[in-house]
Amino acid sequence: MANFKEVVQNFLDGATEGSSSGQGNLKIKGNVLIHYYTPILERYGEKYILNYSRYSIVTGRLQKQIKEMLSEEQIIQITKVPEGYKGCLSELVEGKDAN
């Protein structure tokens, strides 16, 4: 089992499944990286949609770590995503280009 950084790196490298050690609080499910029950990062064309909504200190650290692993040009940042959101982050991106 991998730590958070390894799971994020696996996701960025194209993995479509996997989870963190312990209780599996961070998992890859297809094109989405999920922390607990909320999508945090989603592949979107050549970019990534980063859910930068505040939920907890641990989630905040994870979000910061993800931002440090990607360039600004690769990130479409969104906020105000409800905890436990079941849809795709791309559904919340309006008027932003994937290329």
Protein backbone atom coordinates (compact mmCIF):
# COMPACT_ATOMS: atom_id res chain seq x y z
CA MET A 1 0.00 0.00 0.00
CA ALA A 2 1.19 3.49 -0.84
CA ASN A 3 1.30 6.78 1.05
CA PHE A 4 -0.62 9.87 -0.14
CA LYS A 5 2.24 11.24 -2.27
CA GLU A 6 2.74 7.88 -4.00
CA VAL A 7 -0.98 7.58 -4.74
CA VAL A 8 -1.05 11.11 -6.18
CA GLN A 9 2.03 10.36 -8.30
CA ASN A 10 0.47 7.11 -9.52
CA PHE A 11 -2.65 9.07 -10.49
CA LEU A 12 -0.58 11.68 -12.33
CA ASP A 13 1.24 8.84 -14.10
CA GLY A 14 -2.09 7.54 -15.42
CA ALA A 15 -3.19 4.92 -12.88
CA THR A 16 -6.94 4.27 -12.81
CA GLU A 17 -7.05 2.39 -9.50
CA GLY A 18 -5.17 2.27 -6.22
CA SER A 19 -5.40 3.54 -2.65
CA SER A 20 -3.36 4.74 0.29
CA SER A 21 -2.23 2.50 3.11
CA GLY A 22 -4.25 2.18 6.25
CA GLN A 23 -7.94 2.75 5.70
CA GLY A 24 -7.61 3.74 2.06
CA ASN A 25 -8.75 7.33 2.64
CA LEU A 26 -7.20 8.37 -0.68
CA LYS A 27 -8.14 6.32 -3.70
CA ILE A 28 -7.98 6.41 -7.46
CA LYS A 29 -11.21 5.58 -9.24
CA GLY A 30 -10.91 5.94 -13.00
CA ASN A 31 -10.06 9.57 -13.82
CA VAL A 32 -10.74 10.82 -10.30
CA LEU A 33 -8.67 11.00 -7.11
CA ILE A 34 -10.98 10.74 -4.09
CA HIS A 35 -10.20 11.70 -0.49
CA TYR A 36 -12.68 10.00 1.84
CA TYR A 37 -15.86 10.41 -0.23
CA THR A 38 -15.10 13.63 -2.10
CA PRO A 39 -13.33 14.07 -5.45
CA ILE A 40 -10.14 16.12 -5.01
CA LEU A 41 -8.49 15.85 -8.43
CA GLU A 42 -9.85 14.89 -11.84
CA ARG A 43 -8.15 14.43 -15.21
CA TYR A 44 -9.57 16.92 -17.71
CA GLY A 45 -8.01 16.83 -21.15
CA GLU A 46 -4.37 17.87 -20.76
CA LYS A 47 -5.15 19.50 -17.40
CA TYR A 48 -6.36 18.56 -13.95
CA ILE A 49 -9.32 19.95 -12.05
CA LEU A 50 -8.28 20.53 -8.44
CA ASN A 51 -11.00 20.75 -5.83
CA TYR A 52 -9.53 23.32 -3.44
CA SER A 53 -12.54 23.46 -1.11
CA ARG A 54 -11.67 23.34 2.60
CA TYR A 55 -12.79 20.27 4.53
CA SER A 56 -10.07 19.40 7.05
CA ILE A 57 -6.42 19.98 7.88
CA VAL A 58 -5.48 16.63 6.30
CA THR A 59 -7.35 17.44 3.09
CA GLY A 60 -5.71 20.88 3.04
CA ARG A 61 -2.25 19.30 3.25
CA LEU A 62 -3.14 16.90 0.44
CA GLN A 63 -4.41 19.76 -1.76
CA LYS A 64 -1.21 21.74 -1.13
CA GLN A 65 0.90 18.68 -1.96
CA ILE A 66 -0.99 18.20 -5.24
CA LYS A 67 -0.48 21.88 -6.17
CA GLU A 68 3.26 21.47 -5.60
CA MET A 69 3.37 18.41 -7.90
CA LEU A 70 1.73 20.19 -10.85
CA SER A 71 2.48 23.40 -12.70
CA GLU A 72 0.02 26.28 -12.52
CA GLU A 73 -0.77 25.80 -16.21
CA GLN A 74 -1.92 22.24 -15.55
CA ILE A 75 -4.45 23.17 -12.86
CA ILE A 76 -8.04 24.33 -13.11
CA GLN A 77 -8.86 25.18 -9.51
CA ILE A 78 -12.42 25.10 -8.21
CA THR A 79 -13.94 25.65 -4.77
CA LYS A 80 -17.30 25.33 -3.04
CA VAL A 81 -17.60 21.61 -3.82
CA PRO A 82 -19.90 20.02 -1.24
CA GLU A 83 -18.34 17.35 0.95
CA GLY A 84 -19.29 13.91 -0.36
CA TYR A 85 -20.04 15.27 -3.87
CA LYS A 86 -20.83 12.29 -6.11
CA GLY A 87 -20.59 13.88 -9.55
CA CYS A 88 -17.60 14.71 -11.73
CA LEU A 89 -15.63 17.86 -11.02
CA SER A 90 -15.78 18.61 -14.75
CA GLU A 91 -19.54 19.18 -14.31
CA LEU A 92 -18.67 22.13 -12.05
CA VAL A 93 -16.22 23.73 -14.48
CA GLU A 94 -18.00 26.32 -16.58
CA GLY A 95 -16.41 28.30 -19.39
CA LYS A 96 -12.93 26.86 -18.82
CA ASP A 97 -10.98 25.25 -21.63
CA ALA A 98 -9.37 21.81 -21.26
CA ASN A 99 -6.50 22.62 -23.62
